[in-house]
C-alpha cells in the first residue's frame, strides 16, 4: 500500500488541492492527515470538505481544537485567525457537519507499530518537537521515543525531518531522496512537514509518501499568490499571507 501522510493544511485550499493532485498522480492508495486542517488560511470550509472526502484518517490538531473550544495560548495573529475561522464555520451551510467532524477527531491513531499524532507521541495535541531539541531537549525526546514502538508520524512544527534518536535529526536534504524505515529495534519520529504553511525556508507544500518500507518527502508547487491575496483581503494580520512567500 502507498500511503500519503499530510499535516498542517491550515485552510490553504490551493496547496491542499495541489498535494491531493500530486498524490493521485503518484497512485497513492490512502491519505492520512495528522491534524490542523484549519487555522491561519482563507478557506477553512473548503479544506474541511476535502479532508472529509479524501482523507481516510484525519486527526485533531491544536488549531482544530481551538476553533471548537478556546484559542488560549495562541499568539494574537493566530487567535484572530481562528476566531475568524470559527465564524466562517458557524455561518456555513454545512455548519453542523463541520463541527461534528471536528468534534469526533481523535488526537492519535495507531496502526500496527506505527503511531500518528499531531504534536508528539507523548503529548499529541500541543507538544512541539523541534530539530534543535537534539541539542537542548534530550529528556523530552527520550520521553517521546519511549512511547514509540517503531515509527511515529507527526506535524505541528511545520518543519520536515526525521528524529532517528534523541540526539540525531535528519533533514530531508540529508536523505538522498528516500528513507528506509528502521528495523531491528530502532525507532524514528518523522515530521511530515506542512501542506499549507511550510516553515523550513521552502514555500512549496510538503508531505510524505510511505511506499512499503520506503519514505520520500514530496514538495509541490501551488499558486501561492492566490492564497496570499485571499489572506490580505481578510480581517487578519497580513503577515499570515506574507510568510507563505518565504516559507517561514
Foldseek 3Di string as FASTA:
>chain_A
DKEWEAEQQAQQVQLVVQVVVVCVVVVHDAYAYQENLHFLFQHSPVSLVCCVVGHPAYAYEQLLVCLVPNPPPDDPQRRVRSVVVNVVLVPDPCNVVSCVVSVPHHQWDDDVQEIEGAAAQVDRHDHHDDPCCLPVVLVVQVVRVVNHQAEYEYENVLAWWKDQHSNDIGHLVNPVFKDFGDDDRTHMYTYFGHSHQHQPQDLFGWIWMCDPRIIGIDGGDGPLVVRLVSSVPDPGDSVSSVNSVRRD
